[in-house]
Amino acid sequence: MVFKKITLIGTSSESFDAAADDAIARAESTLNNVKWIEVEHLGVEVANAPGGREYQAEVEVAFELEE
């Protein structure tokens, strides 16, 4: 088996959990053979964010390459 890893950044105005869920949901809906996802970094944008804060979760997505 061979895997590829990509980095995605999910965002939410609610929480870090919601930001990570955003990235995970996108990965699962657009990639085949997703095997695991690791949360790498968390951040908050406070400048220019509508409503005051934007939570961000950077995740690494590993998926198996097809033969």
Protein backbone atom coordinates (compact mmCIF):
# COMPACT_ATOMS: atom_id res chain seq x y z
CA MET A 1 0.00 0.00 0.00
CA VAL A 2 1.07 3.55 -0.71
CA PHE A 3 -0.44 6.57 1.03
CA LYS A 4 -0.42 10.26 0.21
CA LYS A 5 -0.79 13.05 2.77
CA ILE A 6 -2.26 16.47 2.12
CA THR A 7 -2.89 19.44 4.39
CA LEU A 8 -6.33 21.03 4.76
CA ILE A 9 -7.42 23.95 6.94
CA GLY A 10 -10.97 23.95 8.26
CA THR A 11 -12.56 27.10 9.62
CA SER A 12 -15.44 27.94 11.93
CA SER A 13 -16.78 30.93 13.80
CA GLU A 14 -17.83 28.58 16.63
CA SER A 15 -14.93 26.41 17.85
CA PHE A 16 -11.77 24.44 17.08
CA ASP A 17 -13.84 21.23 17.04
CA ALA A 18 -16.17 22.65 14.41
CA ALA A 19 -13.19 23.82 12.34
CA ALA A 20 -11.62 20.33 12.46
CA ASP A 21 -15.00 18.76 11.61
CA ASP A 22 -15.24 21.09 8.59
CA ALA A 23 -11.89 19.87 7.24
CA ILE A 24 -12.69 16.22 7.97
CA ALA A 25 -16.09 16.41 6.29
CA ARG A 26 -14.55 17.98 3.17
CA ALA A 27 -11.82 15.33 3.03
CA GLU A 28 -14.33 12.50 3.34
CA SER A 29 -16.63 13.95 0.68
CA THR A 30 -13.94 14.72 -1.92
CA LEU A 31 -11.22 12.07 -1.48
CA ASN A 32 -11.32 8.30 -1.90
CA ASN A 33 -9.74 5.85 0.53
CA VAL A 34 -9.22 8.25 3.47
CA LYS A 35 -7.46 6.22 6.18
CA TRP A 36 -6.60 8.72 8.95
CA ILE A 37 -6.56 12.40 9.78
CA GLU A 38 -4.26 14.15 12.25
CA VAL A 39 -4.87 17.60 13.71
CA GLU A 40 -1.55 19.44 13.40
CA HIS A 41 -2.15 23.07 14.41
CA LEU A 42 -4.91 25.23 15.84
CA GLY A 43 -5.19 28.98 15.36
CA VAL A 44 -7.57 31.90 15.73
CA GLU A 45 -7.86 34.80 13.32
CA VAL A 46 -9.02 37.91 15.15
CA ALA A 47 -8.31 40.62 12.58
CA ASN A 48 -10.73 40.89 9.66
CA ALA A 49 -12.84 37.98 10.91
CA PRO A 50 -16.58 38.62 10.69
CA GLY A 51 -18.12 38.34 14.14
CA GLY A 52 -14.79 38.73 15.90
CA ARG A 53 -13.03 35.33 15.65
CA GLU A 54 -12.40 32.59 13.12
CA TYR A 55 -11.16 29.28 14.53
CA GLN A 56 -8.83 27.31 12.27
CA ALA A 57 -7.73 23.68 12.40
CA GLU A 58 -4.91 22.50 10.15
CA VAL A 59 -5.18 18.78 9.53
CA GLU A 60 -3.12 16.24 7.61
CA VAL A 61 -5.19 13.77 5.65
CA ALA A 62 -3.73 10.41 4.66
CA PHE A 63 -5.38 8.42 1.92
CA GLU A 64 -4.42 5.26 0.07
CA LEU A 65 -3.47 5.67 -3.57
CA GLU A 66 -5.30 3.43 -6.02
CA GLU A 67 -3.36 0.87 -8.04
